[in-house]
Amino acid sequence: MKECIEESAKVDIHHMERYLTVLGTLAMISPLLGLLGTVVGIIEAFMAINSSGMGDPALLASGISKALITTAGGLFVAIPAMIMHRYFARHITTMAVEMEQQAIKLVDIVHGDREVDFK
């Protein structure tokens, strides 16, 4: 009986965790994509300086703006994704512990080792 309950719990926990990895990956990759955009923006700014010199600050500002926007975008995605990943991981762990406790109570009741307490 305990083995059947454990197998069922494993399947349910796996089902709850199925998209958690995707959320964690998104939280980890987003800052890296923002960093990539930052590097591209800075390269663009230096290429603007190289091609026209310091005479046109608008070209330099365009590259720096792109760098800052991509960095902010990466963080804008990563921070909520990381918060939700941690929340759901903790929630799943709490639910797994609660399922285990309830399963132990059920087995004890069925085997007569514990009085019935329906609280």
PDB file of N, CA and C in Angstrom:
ATOM      1  N   MET A   1       0.819  -1.187   0.000  1.00  0.00           N
ATOM      2  CA  MET A   1       0.000   0.000   0.000  1.00  0.00           C
ATOM      3  C   MET A   1       0.870   1.261   0.000  1.00  0.00           C
ATOM      4  N   LYS A   2       1.917   1.248   0.829  1.00  0.00           N
ATOM      5  CA  LYS A   2       2.814   2.404   0.870  1.00  0.00           C
ATOM      6  C   LYS A   2       3.502   2.618  -0.471  1.00  0.00           C
ATOM      7  N   GLU A   3       3.882   1.535  -1.119  1.00  0.00           N
ATOM      8  CA  GLU A   3       4.552   1.651  -2.421  1.00  0.00           C
ATOM      9  C   GLU A   3       3.630   2.256  -3.467  1.00  0.00           C
ATOM     10  N   CYS A   4       2.369   1.862  -3.451  1.00  0.00           N
ATOM     11  CA  CYS A   4       1.397   2.428  -4.404  1.00  0.00           C
ATOM     12  C   CYS A   4       1.201   3.915  -4.164  1.00  0.00           C
ATOM     13  N   ILE A   5       1.127   4.298  -2.916  1.00  0.00           N
ATOM     14  CA  ILE A   5       0.966   5.716  -2.583  1.00  0.00           C
ATOM     15  C   ILE A   5       2.202   6.499  -3.006  1.00  0.00           C
ATOM     16  N   GLU A   6       3.393   5.952  -2.750  1.00  0.00           N
ATOM     17  CA  GLU A   6       4.629   6.632  -3.138  1.00  0.00           C
ATOM     18  C   GLU A   6       4.720   6.804  -4.651  1.00  0.00           C
ATOM     19  N   GLU A   7       4.355   5.763  -5.393  1.00  0.00           N
ATOM     20  CA  GLU A   7       4.392   5.855  -6.860  1.00  0.00           C
ATOM     21  C   GLU A   7       3.417   6.914  -7.365  1.00  0.00           C
ATOM     22  N   SER A   8       2.231   6.919  -6.789  1.00  0.00           N
ATOM     23  CA  SER A   8       1.240   7.909  -7.186  1.00  0.00           C
ATOM     24  C   SER A   8       1.714   9.319  -6.853  1.00  0.00           C
ATOM     25  N   ALA A   9       2.331   9.479  -5.701  1.00  0.00           N
ATOM     26  CA  ALA A   9       2.849  10.792  -5.301  1.00  0.00           C
ATOM     27  C   ALA A   9       3.971  11.246  -6.238  1.00  0.00           C
ATOM     28  N   LYS A  10       4.847  10.339  -6.626  1.00  0.00           N
ATOM     29  CA  LYS A  10       5.924  10.687  -7.556  1.00  0.00           C
ATOM     30  C   LYS A  10       5.363  11.182  -8.881  1.00  0.00           C
ATOM     31  N   VAL A  11       4.337  10.514  -9.371  1.00  0.00           N
ATOM     32  CA  VAL A  11       3.719  10.920 -10.639  1.00  0.00           C
ATOM     33  C   VAL A  11       3.089  12.309 -10.495  1.00  0.00           C
ATOM     34  N   ASP A  12       2.392  12.526  -9.386  1.00  0.00           N
ATOM     35  CA  ASP A  12       1.752  13.827  -9.177  1.00  0.00           C
ATOM     36  C   ASP A  12       2.778  14.947  -9.025  1.00  0.00           C
ATOM     37  N   ILE A  13       3.839  14.691  -8.290  1.00  0.00           N
ATOM     38  CA  ILE A  13       4.886  15.709  -8.113  1.00  0.00           C
ATOM     39  C   ILE A  13       5.571  15.999  -9.442  1.00  0.00           C
ATOM     40  N   HIS A  14       5.828  14.967 -10.210  1.00  0.00           N
ATOM     41  CA  HIS A  14       6.430  15.170 -11.537  1.00  0.00           C
ATOM     42  C   HIS A  14       5.500  15.998 -12.422  1.00  0.00           C
ATOM     43  N   HIS A  15       4.218  15.729 -12.330  1.00  0.00           N
ATOM     44  CA  HIS A  15       3.237  16.488 -13.105  1.00  0.00           C
ATOM     45  C   HIS A  15       3.234  17.963 -12.685  1.00  0.00           C
ATOM     46  N   MET A  16       3.354  18.237 -11.402  1.00  0.00           N
ATOM     47  CA  MET A  16       3.380  19.622 -10.920  1.00  0.00           C
ATOM     48  C   MET A  16       4.652  20.348 -11.331  1.00  0.00           C
ATOM     49  N   GLU A  17       5.759  19.626 -11.447  1.00  0.00           N
ATOM     50  CA  GLU A  17       7.049  20.236 -11.768  1.00  0.00           C
ATOM     51  C   GLU A  17       7.341  20.340 -13.260  1.00  0.00           C
ATOM     52  N   ARG A  18       6.417  19.925 -14.119  1.00  0.00           N
ATOM     53  CA  ARG A  18       6.729  19.801 -15.540  1.00  0.00           C
ATOM     54  C   ARG A  18       7.152  21.107 -16.196  1.00  0.00           C
ATOM     55  N   TYR A  19       6.575  22.250 -15.835  1.00  0.00           N
ATOM     56  CA  TYR A  19       6.957  23.519 -16.452  1.00  0.00           C
ATOM     57  C   TYR A  19       7.888  24.342 -15.568  1.00  0.00           C
ATOM     58  N   LEU A  20       8.211  23.845 -14.410  1.00  0.00           N
ATOM     59  CA  LEU A  20       9.080  24.569 -13.492  1.00  0.00           C
ATOM     60  C   LEU A  20      10.480  24.739 -14.073  1.00  0.00           C
ATOM     61  N   THR A  21      10.965  23.744 -14.783  1.00  0.00           N
ATOM     62  CA  THR A  21      12.282  23.822 -15.404  1.00  0.00           C
ATOM     63  C   THR A  21      12.308  24.902 -16.481  1.00  0.00           C
ATOM     64  N   VAL A  22      11.243  25.006 -17.246  1.00  0.00           N
ATOM     65  CA  VAL A  22      11.170  26.032 -18.287  1.00  0.00           C
ATOM     66  C   VAL A  22      11.215  27.415 -17.655  1.00  0.00           C
ATOM     67  N   LEU A  23      10.482  27.604 -16.570  1.00  0.00           N
ATOM     68  CA  LEU A  23      10.468  28.890 -15.884  1.00  0.00           C
ATOM     69  C   LEU A  23      11.849  29.220 -15.316  1.00  0.00           C
ATOM     70  N   GLY A  24      12.524  28.235 -14.734  1.00  0.00           N
ATOM     71  CA  GLY A  24      13.873  28.445 -14.211  1.00  0.00           C
ATOM     72  C   GLY A  24      14.869  28.767 -15.314  1.00  0.00           C
ATOM     73  N   THR A  25      14.741  28.086 -16.442  1.00  0.00           N
ATOM     74  CA  THR A  25      15.625  28.354 -17.570  1.00  0.00           C
ATOM     75  C   THR A  25      15.410  29.758 -18.108  1.00  0.00           C
ATOM     76  N   LEU A  26      14.164  30.167 -18.203  1.00  0.00           N
ATOM     77  CA  LEU A  26      13.842  31.522 -18.655  1.00  0.00           C
ATOM     78  C   LEU A  26      14.439  32.560 -17.706  1.00  0.00           C
ATOM     79  N   ALA A  27      14.350  32.303 -16.418  1.00  0.00           N
ATOM     80  CA  ALA A  27      14.904  33.229 -15.431  1.00  0.00           C
ATOM     81  C   ALA A  27      16.425  33.312 -15.529  1.00  0.00           C
ATOM     82  N   MET A  28      17.073  32.223 -15.908  1.00  0.00           N
ATOM     83  CA  MET A  28      18.536  32.228 -16.000  1.00  0.00           C
ATOM     84  C   MET A  28      19.042  32.795 -17.325  1.00  0.00           C
ATOM     85  N   ILE A  29      18.291  32.593 -18.400  1.00  0.00           N
ATOM     86  CA  ILE A  29      18.756  33.011 -19.720  1.00  0.00           C
ATOM     87  C   ILE A  29      18.461  34.489 -19.988  1.00  0.00           C
ATOM     88  N   SER A  30      17.407  35.028 -19.431  1.00  0.00           N
ATOM     89  CA  SER A  30      17.007  36.412 -19.719  1.00  0.00           C
ATOM     90  C   SER A  30      18.108  37.433 -19.451  1.00  0.00           C
ATOM     91  N   PRO A  31      18.794  37.379 -18.310  1.00  0.00           N
ATOM     92  CA  PRO A  31      19.876  38.354 -18.108  1.00  0.00           C
ATOM     93  C   PRO A  31      21.012  38.171 -19.117  1.00  0.00           C
ATOM     94  N   LEU A  32      21.244  36.934 -19.523  1.00  0.00           N
ATOM     95  CA  LEU A  32      22.301  36.697 -20.513  1.00  0.00           C
ATOM     96  C   LEU A  32      21.930  37.293 -21.865  1.00  0.00           C
ATOM     97  N   LEU A  33      20.661  37.182 -22.236  1.00  0.00           N
ATOM     98  CA  LEU A  33      20.216  37.806 -23.479  1.00  0.00           C
ATOM     99  C   LEU A  33      20.293  39.326 -23.375  1.00  0.00           C
ATOM    100  N   GLY A  34      19.967  39.871 -22.209  1.00  0.00           N
ATOM    101  CA  GLY A  34      20.124  41.306 -21.985  1.00  0.00           C
ATOM    102  C   GLY A  34      21.580  41.723 -22.094  1.00  0.00           C
ATOM    103  N   LEU A  35      22.461  40.897 -21.566  1.00  0.00           N
ATOM    104  CA  LEU A  35      23.899  41.187 -21.664  1.00  0.00           C
ATOM    105  C   LEU A  35      24.370  41.128 -23.111  1.00  0.00           C
ATOM    106  N   LEU A  36      23.861  40.171 -23.853  1.00  0.00           N
ATOM    107  CA  LEU A  36      24.205  40.092 -25.272  1.00  0.00           C
ATOM    108  C   LEU A  36      23.772  41.356 -26.002  1.00  0.00           C
ATOM    109  N   GLY A  37      22.572  41.827 -25.721  1.00  0.00           N
ATOM    110  CA  GLY A  37      22.106  43.072 -26.323  1.00  0.00           C
ATOM    111  C   GLY A  37      22.952  44.257 -25.904  1.00  0.00           C
ATOM    112  N   THR A  38      23.422  44.252 -24.669  1.00  0.00           N
ATOM    113  CA  THR A  38      24.301  45.311 -24.189  1.00  0.00           C
ATOM    114  C   THR A  38      25.595  45.332 -24.981  1.00  0.00           C
ATOM    115  N   VAL A  39      26.178  44.166 -25.163  1.00  0.00           N
ATOM    116  CA  VAL A  39      27.427  44.071 -25.922  1.00  0.00           C
ATOM    117  C   VAL A  39      27.219  44.539 -27.360  1.00  0.00           C
ATOM    118  N   VAL A  40      26.121  44.123 -27.974  1.00  0.00           N
ATOM    119  CA  VAL A  40      25.835  44.540 -29.352  1.00  0.00           C
ATOM    120  C   VAL A  40      25.647  46.054 -29.413  1.00  0.00           C
ATOM    121  N   GLY A  41      24.936  46.626 -28.451  1.00  0.00           N
ATOM    122  CA  GLY A  41      24.730  48.076 -28.422  1.00  0.00           C
ATOM    123  C   GLY A  41      26.017  48.846 -28.251  1.00  0.00           C
ATOM    124  N   ILE A  42      26.891  48.373 -27.376  1.00  0.00           N
ATOM    125  CA  ILE A  42      28.180  49.048 -27.171  1.00  0.00           C
ATOM    126  C   ILE A  42      29.052  48.911 -28.413  1.00  0.00           C
ATOM    127  N   ILE A  43      29.026  47.750 -29.036  1.00  0.00           N
ATOM    128  CA  ILE A  43      29.778  47.583 -30.296  1.00  0.00           C
ATOM    129  C   ILE A  43      29.249  48.556 -31.340  1.00  0.00           C
ATOM    130  N   GLU A  44      27.945  48.693 -31.414  1.00  0.00           N
ATOM    131  CA  GLU A  44      27.346  49.634 -32.361  1.00  0.00           C
ATOM    132  C   GLU A  44      27.779  51.068 -32.062  1.00  0.00           C
ATOM    133  N   ALA A  45      27.830  51.420 -30.776  1.00  0.00           N
ATOM    134  CA  ALA A  45      28.269  52.769 -30.400  1.00  0.00           C
ATOM    135  C   ALA A  45      29.724  53.002 -30.802  1.00  0.00           C
ATOM    136  N   PHE A  46      30.586  52.022 -30.573  1.00  0.00           N
ATOM    137  CA  PHE A  46      31.993  52.178 -30.953  1.00  0.00           C
ATOM    138  C   PHE A  46      32.158  52.215 -32.472  1.00  0.00           C
ATOM    139  N   MET A  47      31.338  51.468 -33.184  1.00  0.00           N
ATOM    140  CA  MET A  47      31.411  51.520 -34.648  1.00  0.00           C
ATOM    141  C   MET A  47      30.972  52.889 -35.157  1.00  0.00           C
ATOM    142  N   ALA A  48      29.987  53.500 -34.485  1.00  0.00           N
ATOM    143  CA  ALA A  48      29.550  54.843 -34.859  1.00  0.00           C
ATOM    144  C   ALA A  48      30.663  55.849 -34.624  1.00  0.00           C
ATOM    145  N   ILE A  49      31.379  55.709 -33.518  1.00  0.00           N
ATOM    146  CA  ILE A  49      32.516  56.596 -33.242  1.00  0.00           C
ATOM    147  C   ILE A  49      33.602  56.380 -34.281  1.00  0.00           C
ATOM    148  N   ASN A  50      33.853  55.124 -34.624  1.00  0.00           N
ATOM    149  CA  ASN A  50      34.896  54.788 -35.580  1.00  0.00           C
ATOM    150  C   ASN A  50      34.574  55.342 -36.973  1.00  0.00           C
ATOM    151  N   SER A  51      33.317  55.262 -37.379  1.00  0.00           N
ATOM    152  CA  SER A  51      32.971  55.677 -38.739  1.00  0.00           C
ATOM    153  C   SER A  51      32.821  57.185 -38.883  1.00  0.00           C
ATOM    154  N   SER A  52      32.274  57.870 -37.884  1.00  0.00           N
ATOM    155  CA  SER A  52      32.036  59.308 -38.044  1.00  0.00           C
ATOM    156  C   SER A  52      32.771  60.159 -37.026  1.00  0.00           C
ATOM    157  N   GLY A  53      33.523  59.535 -36.160  1.00  0.00           N
ATOM    158  CA  GLY A  53      34.227  60.293 -35.127  1.00  0.00           C
ATOM    159  C   GLY A  53      33.252  60.754 -34.055  1.00  0.00           C
ATOM    160  N   MET A  54      33.701  61.649 -33.231  1.00  0.00           N
ATOM    161  CA  MET A  54      32.861  62.144 -32.130  1.00  0.00           C
ATOM    162  C   MET A  54      31.962  63.296 -32.572  1.00  0.00           C
ATOM    163  N   GLY A  55      31.866  63.510 -33.869  1.00  0.00           N
ATOM    164  CA  GLY A  55      31.089  64.634 -34.378  1.00  0.00           C
ATOM    165  C   GLY A  55      29.586  64.461 -34.245  1.00  0.00           C
ATOM    166  N   ASP A  56      29.075  63.225 -34.228  1.00  0.00           N
ATOM    167  CA  ASP A  56      27.625  63.002 -34.170  1.00  0.00           C
ATOM    168  C   ASP A  56      27.264  62.223 -32.902  1.00  0.00           C
ATOM    169  N   PRO A  57      26.919  62.939 -31.841  1.00  0.00           N
ATOM    170  CA  PRO A  57      26.575  62.255 -30.594  1.00  0.00           C
ATOM    171  C   PRO A  57      25.292  61.431 -30.693  1.00  0.00           C
ATOM    172  N   ALA A  58      24.425  61.706 -31.655  1.00  0.00           N
ATOM    173  CA  ALA A  58      23.175  60.945 -31.799  1.00  0.00           C
ATOM    174  C   ALA A  58      23.464  59.486 -32.142  1.00  0.00           C
ATOM    175  N   LEU A  59      24.483  59.238 -32.977  1.00  0.00           N
ATOM    176  CA  LEU A  59      24.837  57.858 -33.308  1.00  0.00           C
ATOM    177  C   LEU A  59      25.360  57.116 -32.081  1.00  0.00           C
ATOM    178  N   LEU A  60      26.168  57.807 -31.283  1.00  0.00           N
ATOM    179  CA  LEU A  60      26.687  57.203 -30.052  1.00  0.00           C
ATOM    180  C   LEU A  60      25.545  56.927 -29.071  1.00  0.00           C
ATOM    181  N   ALA A  61      24.631  57.871 -28.956  1.00  0.00           N
ATOM    182  CA  ALA A  61      23.496  57.719 -28.038  1.00  0.00           C
ATOM    183  C   ALA A  61      22.591  56.569 -28.463  1.00  0.00           C
ATOM    184  N   SER A  62      22.459  56.343 -29.754  1.00  0.00           N
ATOM    185  CA  SER A  62      21.627  55.250 -30.250  1.00  0.00           C
ATOM    186  C   SER A  62      22.158  53.894 -29.780  1.00  0.00           C
ATOM    187  N   GLY A  63      23.473  53.695 -29.895  1.00  0.00           N
ATOM    188  CA  GLY A  63      24.076  52.433 -29.453  1.00  0.00           C
ATOM    189  C   GLY A  63      23.972  52.236 -27.959  1.00  0.00           C
ATOM    190  N   ILE A  64      24.204  53.317 -27.210  1.00  0.00           N
ATOM    191  CA  ILE A  64      24.113  53.221 -25.748  1.00  0.00           C
ATOM    192  C   ILE A  64      22.665  52.973 -25.330  1.00  0.00           C
ATOM    193  N   SER A  65      21.735  53.609 -26.002  1.00  0.00           N
ATOM    194  CA  SER A  65      20.315  53.397 -25.707  1.00  0.00           C
ATOM    195  C   SER A  65      19.924  51.944 -25.933  1.00  0.00           C
ATOM    196  N   LYS A  66      20.379  51.372 -27.044  1.00  0.00           N
ATOM    197  CA  LYS A  66      20.089  49.969 -27.322  1.00  0.00           C
ATOM    198  C   LYS A  66      20.673  49.077 -26.232  1.00  0.00           C
ATOM    199  N   ALA A  67      21.871  49.394 -25.787  1.00  0.00           N
ATOM    200  CA  ALA A  67      22.510  48.599 -24.739  1.00  0.00           C
ATOM    201  C   ALA A  67      21.701  48.645 -23.449  1.00  0.00           C
ATOM    202  N   LEU A  68      21.242  49.827 -23.073  1.00  0.00           N
ATOM    203  CA  LEU A  68      20.491  49.957 -21.826  1.00  0.00           C
ATOM    204  C   LEU A  68      19.105  49.325 -21.913  1.00  0.00           C
ATOM    205  N   ILE A  69      18.452  49.450 -23.058  1.00  0.00           N
ATOM    206  CA  ILE A  69      17.116  48.884 -23.217  1.00  0.00           C
ATOM    207  C   ILE A  69      17.161  47.357 -23.139  1.00  0.00           C
ATOM    208  N   THR A  70      18.142  46.747 -23.783  1.00  0.00           N
ATOM    209  CA  THR A  70      18.212  45.281 -23.744  1.00  0.00           C
ATOM    210  C   THR A  70      18.568  44.774 -22.348  1.00  0.00           C
ATOM    211  N   THR A  71      19.416  45.515 -21.648  1.00  0.00           N
ATOM    212  CA  THR A  71      19.736  45.123 -20.275  1.00  0.00           C
ATOM    213  C   THR A  71      18.484  45.199 -19.398  1.00  0.00           C
ATOM    214  N   ALA A  72      17.757  46.295 -19.509  1.00  0.00           N
ATOM    215  CA  ALA A  72      16.528  46.447 -18.722  1.00  0.00           C
ATOM    216  C   ALA A  72      15.501  45.385 -19.109  1.00  0.00           C
ATOM    217  N   GLY A  73      15.389  45.084 -20.386  1.00  0.00           N
ATOM    218  CA  GLY A  73      14.444  44.053 -20.826  1.00  0.00           C
ATOM    219  C   GLY A  73      14.780  42.688 -20.249  1.00  0.00           C
ATOM    220  N   GLY A  74      16.059  42.344 -20.255  1.00  0.00           N
ATOM    221  CA  GLY A  74      16.476  41.061 -19.688  1.00  0.00           C
ATOM    222  C   GLY A  74      16.158  40.965 -18.209  1.00  0.00           C
ATOM    223  N   LEU A  75      16.418  42.050 -17.475  1.00  0.00           N
ATOM    224  CA  LEU A  75      16.116  42.055 -16.042  1.00  0.00           C
ATOM    225  C   LEU A  75      14.613  42.093 -15.784  1.00  0.00           C
ATOM    226  N   PHE A  76      13.883  42.782 -16.650  1.00  0.00           N
ATOM    227  CA  PHE A  76      12.432  42.878 -16.512  1.00  0.00           C
ATOM    228  C   PHE A  76      11.778  41.502 -16.632  1.00  0.00           C
ATOM    229  N   VAL A  77      12.353  40.641 -17.439  1.00  0.00           N
ATOM    230  CA  VAL A  77      11.829  39.277 -17.585  1.00  0.00           C
ATOM    231  C   VAL A  77      12.378  38.364 -16.483  1.00  0.00           C
ATOM    232  N   ALA A  78      13.666  38.501 -16.184  1.00  0.00           N
ATOM    233  CA  ALA A  78      14.333  37.570 -15.266  1.00  0.00           C
ATOM    234  C   ALA A  78      13.857  37.688 -13.821  1.00  0.00           C
ATOM    235  N   ILE A  79      13.649  38.891 -13.347  1.00  0.00           N
ATOM    236  CA  ILE A  79      13.305  39.070 -11.929  1.00  0.00           C
ATOM    237  C   ILE A  79      11.954  38.437 -11.593  1.00  0.00           C
ATOM    238  N   PRO A  80      10.875  38.753 -12.323  1.00  0.00           N
ATOM    239  CA  PRO A  80       9.607  38.068 -11.999  1.00  0.00           C
ATOM    240  C   PRO A  80       9.660  36.560 -12.233  1.00  0.00           C
ATOM    241  N   ALA A  81      10.392  36.140 -13.278  1.00  0.00           N
ATOM    242  CA  ALA A  81      10.486  34.701 -13.547  1.00  0.00           C
ATOM    243  C   ALA A  81      11.196  33.986 -12.399  1.00  0.00           C
ATOM    244  N   MET A  82      12.241  34.597 -11.858  1.00  0.00           N
ATOM    245  CA  MET A  82      12.963  33.979 -10.734  1.00  0.00           C
ATOM    246  C   MET A  82      12.088  33.944  -9.478  1.00  0.00           C
ATOM    247  N   ILE A  83      11.362  35.024  -9.234  1.00  0.00           N
ATOM    248  CA  ILE A  83      10.475  35.058  -8.067  1.00  0.00           C
ATOM    249  C   ILE A  83       9.407  33.967  -8.177  1.00  0.00           C
ATOM    250  N   MET A  84       8.790  33.852  -9.341  1.00  0.00           N
ATOM    251  CA  MET A  84       7.748  32.844  -9.514  1.00  0.00           C
ATOM    252  C   MET A  84       8.318  31.422  -9.481  1.00  0.00           C
ATOM    253  N   HIS A  85       9.509  31.240 -10.023  1.00  0.00           N
ATOM    254  CA  HIS A  85      10.149  29.923  -9.970  1.00  0.00           C
ATOM    255  C   HIS A  85      10.369  29.497  -8.527  1.00  0.00           C
ATOM    256  N   ARG A  86      10.897  30.409  -7.712  1.00  0.00           N
ATOM    257  CA  ARG A  86      11.148  30.085  -6.306  1.00  0.00           C
ATOM    258  C   ARG A  86       9.828  29.830  -5.567  1.00  0.00           C
ATOM    259  N   TYR A  87       8.809  30.639  -5.865  1.00  0.00           N
ATOM    260  CA  TYR A  87       7.512  30.477  -5.216  1.00  0.00           C
ATOM    261  C   TYR A  87       6.922  29.106  -5.535  1.00  0.00           C
ATOM    262  N   PHE A  88       6.891  28.761  -6.821  1.00  0.00           N
ATOM    263  CA  PHE A  88       6.285  27.489  -7.212  1.00  0.00           C
ATOM    264  C   PHE A  88       7.104  26.290  -6.723  1.00  0.00           C
ATOM    265  N   ALA A  89       8.424  26.397  -6.732  1.00  0.00           N
ATOM    266  CA  ALA A  89       9.257  25.303  -6.219  1.00  0.00           C
ATOM    267  C   ALA A  89       8.960  25.065  -4.738  1.00  0.00           C
ATOM    268  N   ARG A  90       8.862  26.145  -3.987  1.00  0.00           N
ATOM    269  CA  ARG A  90       8.557  26.023  -2.553  1.00  0.00           C
ATOM    270  C   ARG A  90       7.147  25.475  -2.345  1.00  0.00           C
ATOM    271  N   HIS A  91       6.209  25.939  -3.149  1.00  0.00           N
ATOM    272  CA  HIS A  91       4.823  25.486  -3.033  1.00  0.00           C
ATOM    273  C   HIS A  91       4.717  23.984  -3.326  1.00  0.00           C
ATOM    274  N   ILE A  92       5.411  23.518  -4.339  1.00  0.00           N
ATOM    275  CA  ILE A  92       5.389  22.095  -4.680  1.00  0.00           C
ATOM    276  C   ILE A  92       6.010  21.266  -3.559  1.00  0.00           C
ATOM    277  N   THR A  93       7.105  21.757  -2.986  1.00  0.00           N
ATOM    278  CA  THR A  93       7.745  21.049  -1.872  1.00  0.00           C
ATOM    279  C   THR A  93       6.793  20.962  -0.679  1.00  0.00           C
ATOM    280  N   THR A  94       6.115  22.052  -0.377  1.00  0.00           N
ATOM    281  CA  THR A  94       5.162  22.060   0.732  1.00  0.00           C
ATOM    282  C   THR A  94       4.021  21.079   0.474  1.00  0.00           C
ATOM    283  N   MET A  95       3.519  21.071  -0.743  1.00  0.00           N
ATOM    284  CA  MET A  95       2.432  20.144  -1.078  1.00  0.00           C
ATOM    285  C   MET A  95       2.896  18.693  -0.998  1.00  0.00           C
ATOM    286  N   ALA A  96       4.143  18.415  -1.402  1.00  0.00           N
ATOM    287  CA  ALA A  96       4.666  17.054  -1.338  1.00  0.00           C
ATOM    288  C   ALA A  96       4.777  16.584   0.109  1.00  0.00           C
ATOM    289  N   VAL A  97       5.227  17.456   0.992  1.00  0.00           N
ATOM    290  CA  VAL A  97       5.328  17.103   2.407  1.00  0.00           C
ATOM    291  C   VAL A  97       3.942  16.849   2.991  1.00  0.00           C
ATOM    292  N   GLU A  98       2.987  17.701   2.622  1.00  0.00           N
ATOM    293  CA  GLU A  98       1.613  17.515   3.112  1.00  0.00           C
ATOM    294  C   GLU A  98       1.014  16.204   2.596  1.00  0.00           C
ATOM    295  N   MET A  99       1.272  15.891   1.314  1.00  0.00           N
ATOM    296  CA  MET A  99       0.775  14.620   0.772  1.00  0.00           C
ATOM    297  C   MET A  99       1.377  13.441   1.522  1.00  0.00           C
ATOM    298  N   GLU A 100       2.665  13.523   1.837  1.00  0.00           N
ATOM    299  CA  GLU A 100       3.328  12.434   2.552  1.00  0.00           C
ATOM    300  C   GLU A 100       2.739  12.257   3.948  1.00  0.00           C
ATOM    301  N   GLN A 101       2.495  13.361   4.626  1.00  0.00           N
ATOM    302  CA  GLN A 101       1.913  13.276   5.961  1.00  0.00           C
ATOM    303  C   GLN A 101       0.510  12.676   5.924  1.00  0.00           C
ATOM    304  N   GLN A 102      -0.287  13.090   4.959  1.00  0.00           N
ATOM    305  CA  GLN A 102      -1.638  12.554   4.841  1.00  0.00           C
ATOM    306  C   GLN A 102      -1.619  11.073   4.459  1.00  0.00           C
ATOM    307  N   ALA A 103      -0.668  10.685   3.622  1.00  0.00           N
ATOM    308  CA  ALA A 103      -0.557   9.274   3.237  1.00  0.00           C
ATOM    309  C   ALA A 103      -0.176   8.405   4.433  1.00  0.00           C
ATOM    310  N   ILE A 104       0.718   8.906   5.258  1.00  0.00           N
ATOM    311  CA  ILE A 104       1.105   8.165   6.469  1.00  0.00           C
ATOM    312  C   ILE A 104      -0.097   7.998   7.389  1.00  0.00           C
ATOM    313  N   LYS A 105      -0.891   9.060   7.551  1.00  0.00           N
ATOM    314  CA  LYS A 105      -2.097   8.961   8.375  1.00  0.00           C
ATOM    315  C   LYS A 105      -3.057   7.918   7.804  1.00  0.00           C
ATOM    316  N   LEU A 106      -3.232   7.932   6.486  1.00  0.00           N
ATOM    317  CA  LEU A 106      -4.143   6.983   5.844  1.00  0.00           C
ATOM    318  C   LEU A 106      -3.690   5.547   6.069  1.00  0.00           C
ATOM    319  N   VAL A 107      -2.404   5.271   5.876  1.00  0.00           N
ATOM    320  CA  VAL A 107      -1.887   3.919   6.062  1.00  0.00           C
ATOM    321  C   VAL A 107      -2.049   3.486   7.514  1.00  0.00           C
ATOM    322  N   ASP A 108      -1.769   4.388   8.439  1.00  0.00           N
ATOM    323  CA  ASP A 108      -1.930   4.060   9.855  1.00  0.00           C
ATOM    324  C   ASP A 108      -3.393   3.758  10.196  1.00  0.00           C
ATOM    325  N   ILE A 109      -4.309   4.519   9.626  1.00  0.00           N
ATOM    326  CA  ILE A 109      -5.732   4.287   9.891  1.00  0.00           C
ATOM    327  C   ILE A 109      -6.168   2.947   9.325  1.00  0.00           C
ATOM    328  N   VAL A 110      -5.740   2.656   8.093  1.00  0.00           N
ATOM    329  CA  VAL A 110      -6.131   1.392   7.458  1.00  0.00           C
ATOM    330  C   VAL A 110      -5.575   0.197   8.223  1.00  0.00           C
ATOM    331  N   HIS A 111      -4.356   0.326   8.722  1.00  0.00           N
ATOM    332  CA  HIS A 111      -3.738  -0.773   9.458  1.00  0.00           C
ATOM    333  C   HIS A 111      -4.164  -0.802  10.926  1.00  0.00           C
ATOM    334  N   GLY A 112      -4.933   0.181  11.368  1.00  0.00           N
ATOM    335  CA  GLY A 112      -5.430   0.186  12.742  1.00  0.00           C
ATOM    336  C   GLY A 112      -4.421   0.694  13.752  1.00  0.00           C
ATOM    337  N   ASP A 113      -3.347   1.350  13.301  1.00  0.00           N
ATOM    338  CA  ASP A 113      -2.323   1.829  14.221  1.00  0.00           C
ATOM    339  C   ASP A 113      -2.687   3.201  14.818  1.00  0.00           C
ATOM    340  N   ARG A 114      -3.735   3.808  14.306  1.00  0.00           N
ATOM    341  CA  ARG A 114      -4.068   5.160  14.747  1.00  0.00           C
ATOM    342  C   ARG A 114      -5.587   5.286  14.792  1.00  0.00           C
ATOM    343  N   GLU A 115      -6.053   6.086  15.756  1.00  0.00           N
ATOM    344  CA  GLU A 115      -7.478   6.366  15.814  1.00  0.00           C
ATOM    345  C   GLU A 115      -7.842   7.325  14.685  1.00  0.00           C
ATOM    346  N   VAL A 116      -9.073   7.250  14.237  1.00  0.00           N
ATOM    347  CA  VAL A 116      -9.524   8.118  13.153  1.00  0.00           C
ATOM    348  C   VAL A 116      -9.664   9.537  13.659  1.00  0.00           C
ATOM    349  N   ASP A 117      -8.916  10.444  13.044  1.00  0.00           N
ATOM    350  CA  ASP A 117      -8.966  11.869  13.361  1.00  0.00           C
ATOM    351  C   ASP A 117      -9.146  12.607  12.040  1.00  0.00           C
ATOM    352  N   PHE A 118     -10.324  13.089  11.769  1.00  0.00           N
ATOM    353  CA  PHE A 118     -10.640  13.685  10.465  1.00  0.00           C
ATOM    354  C   PHE A 118     -10.372  15.187  10.425  1.00  0.00           C
ATOM    355  N   LYS A 119      -9.465  15.670  11.190  1.00  0.00           N
ATOM    356  CA  LYS A 119      -9.135  17.104  11.183  1.00  0.00           C
ATOM    357  C   LYS A 119      -8.109  17.427  10.148  1.00  0.00           C
TER     358      LYS A 119
END
